[in-house]
Amino acid sequence: MADKLALQARRRQRLRYQLRQKGGGRPRLSVFRSGRHIYAQVIDDAAGRTVAAASSLEKALRETLKTGADKAAAETVGKLVAERAIAAGVTEVVFDRGPYLYHGRVKALADAAREGGLSF
């Protein structure tokens, strides 16, 4: 039987394939969540570079947040990455949830990014 990491890799590949098919060349907002923190970055796959990034590990956020692993941290990171992406000239993205379900912290980050001005 396949282990957990192999199953996550398959889900991630399946999702990225669908994003390439339906994304229309837009940059993707990629999310990674660990047990202690949450990270988000806007990636331009055509150019192969990161346009904007934010995480709950940043010093300014660590001082204001209780923990980096809750919905409040995800909302803060979502607003921050949206603000930085708009400053870099990106307003439309494709949301890449990775191997995670669209629920909880991932959903909170996506909703906050939408409120921050990104459209997806």
Protein backbone atom coordinates (compact mmCIF):
# COMPACT_ATOMS: atom_id res chain seq x y z
CA MET A 1 0.00 0.00 0.00
CA ALA A 2 1.21 3.49 -0.80
CA ASP A 3 2.38 5.60 2.10
CA LYS A 4 0.98 8.99 3.06
CA LEU A 5 3.64 11.06 1.27
CA ALA A 6 3.20 9.12 -1.98
CA LEU A 7 -0.55 9.71 -1.86
CA GLN A 8 -0.01 13.42 -1.22
CA ALA A 9 2.39 13.60 -4.17
CA ARG A 10 -0.21 11.97 -6.44
CA ARG A 11 -2.90 14.42 -5.32
CA ARG A 12 -0.53 17.34 -5.85
CA GLN A 13 0.40 16.18 -9.37
CA ARG A 14 -3.24 15.60 -10.30
CA LEU A 15 -4.23 19.06 -9.10
CA ARG A 16 -1.31 20.83 -10.82
CA TYR A 17 -2.16 19.10 -14.10
CA GLN A 18 -5.73 20.39 -13.87
CA LEU A 19 -4.46 23.89 -13.01
CA ARG A 20 -2.23 23.91 -16.09
CA GLN A 21 -5.16 22.84 -18.28
CA LYS A 22 -7.67 25.35 -16.91
CA GLY A 23 -5.43 28.10 -15.58
CA GLY A 24 -4.99 30.04 -18.78
CA GLY A 25 -1.40 31.02 -18.03
CA ARG A 26 -2.27 32.83 -14.80
CA PRO A 27 0.16 32.67 -11.86
CA ARG A 28 -0.77 30.25 -9.10
CA LEU A 29 -1.27 30.95 -5.44
CA SER A 30 0.35 27.93 -3.82
CA VAL A 31 -0.30 26.99 -0.18
CA PHE A 32 1.79 24.87 2.15
CA ARG A 33 0.73 24.16 5.69
CA SER A 34 2.73 22.43 8.35
CA GLY A 35 1.81 21.61 11.90
CA ARG A 36 3.21 24.91 13.17
CA HIS A 37 3.00 27.41 10.28
CA ILE A 38 1.33 28.25 6.98
CA TYR A 39 3.05 29.54 3.86
CA ALA A 40 1.71 31.04 0.62
CA GLN A 41 3.41 32.16 -2.55
CA VAL A 42 2.33 33.45 -5.94
CA ILE A 43 4.35 31.61 -8.58
CA ASP A 44 4.67 32.52 -12.25
CA ASP A 45 5.31 29.11 -13.83
CA ALA A 46 5.97 30.57 -17.29
CA ALA A 47 8.89 32.63 -15.99
CA GLY A 48 9.78 30.12 -13.28
CA ARG A 49 9.90 32.62 -10.44
CA THR A 50 8.09 33.57 -7.27
CA VAL A 51 6.25 36.87 -7.59
CA ALA A 52 5.14 37.28 -3.96
CA ALA A 53 5.35 35.25 -0.77
CA ALA A 54 4.22 35.41 2.84
CA SER A 55 4.29 33.08 5.82
CA SER A 56 3.47 32.97 9.49
CA LEU A 57 7.21 32.68 10.16
CA GLU A 58 7.86 36.34 9.36
CA LYS A 59 9.04 38.33 12.35
CA ALA A 60 6.28 40.96 12.17
CA LEU A 61 3.60 38.28 12.10
CA ARG A 62 5.17 36.11 14.80
CA GLU A 63 4.97 39.02 17.22
CA THR A 64 1.26 39.64 16.58
CA LEU A 65 -0.03 36.07 16.22
CA LYS A 66 -0.66 33.68 19.07
CA THR A 67 0.41 30.72 16.93
CA GLY A 68 1.21 30.16 13.27
CA ALA A 69 -1.07 27.16 12.99
CA ASP A 70 -4.61 28.50 13.29
CA LYS A 71 -7.21 30.19 11.09
CA ALA A 72 -6.26 33.66 12.32
CA ALA A 73 -2.70 33.13 11.11
CA ALA A 74 -3.97 31.82 7.77
CA GLU A 75 -6.18 34.89 7.31
CA THR A 76 -3.28 37.23 8.09
CA VAL A 77 -0.97 35.43 5.66
CA GLY A 78 -3.68 35.46 2.96
CA LYS A 79 -4.18 39.21 3.24
CA LEU A 80 -0.43 39.82 3.25
CA VAL A 81 0.27 37.69 0.17
CA ALA A 82 -2.61 39.38 -1.69
CA GLU A 83 -1.24 42.80 -0.81
CA ARG A 84 2.25 41.85 -2.02
CA ALA A 85 0.95 40.23 -5.22
CA ILE A 86 -1.09 43.32 -6.12
CA ALA A 87 1.98 45.48 -5.49
CA ALA A 88 3.86 43.23 -7.94
CA GLY A 89 1.12 43.70 -10.55
CA VAL A 90 -0.74 40.38 -10.22
CA THR A 91 -4.50 40.50 -9.67
CA GLU A 92 -5.72 37.19 -11.14
CA VAL A 93 -4.35 33.86 -9.93
CA VAL A 94 -5.21 30.18 -9.85
CA PHE A 95 -5.52 28.71 -6.36
CA ASP A 96 -3.23 25.71 -5.79
CA ARG A 97 -4.32 24.00 -2.59
CA GLY A 98 -1.71 21.27 -3.03
CA PRO A 99 -2.62 17.94 -1.43
CA TYR A 100 -4.81 19.62 1.20
CA LEU A 101 -8.58 19.74 1.33
CA TYR A 102 -10.22 23.11 0.75
CA HIS A 103 -11.21 23.39 4.39
CA GLY A 104 -10.06 25.03 7.59
CA ARG A 105 -6.79 26.95 7.35
CA VAL A 106 -6.52 26.56 3.57
CA LYS A 107 -10.02 27.95 3.05
CA ALA A 108 -9.36 30.79 5.51
CA LEU A 109 -6.23 31.78 3.58
CA ALA A 110 -8.08 31.69 0.25
CA ASP A 111 -10.98 33.79 1.55
CA ALA A 112 -8.59 36.36 3.02
CA ALA A 113 -6.67 36.56 -0.27
CA ARG A 114 -9.95 37.21 -2.09
CA GLU A 115 -10.79 39.94 0.40
CA GLY A 116 -7.31 41.38 -0.16
CA GLY A 117 -8.04 41.87 -3.85
CA LEU A 118 -6.92 38.71 -5.64
CA SER A 119 -9.45 37.08 -7.93
CA PHE A 120 -9.65 33.33 -8.45
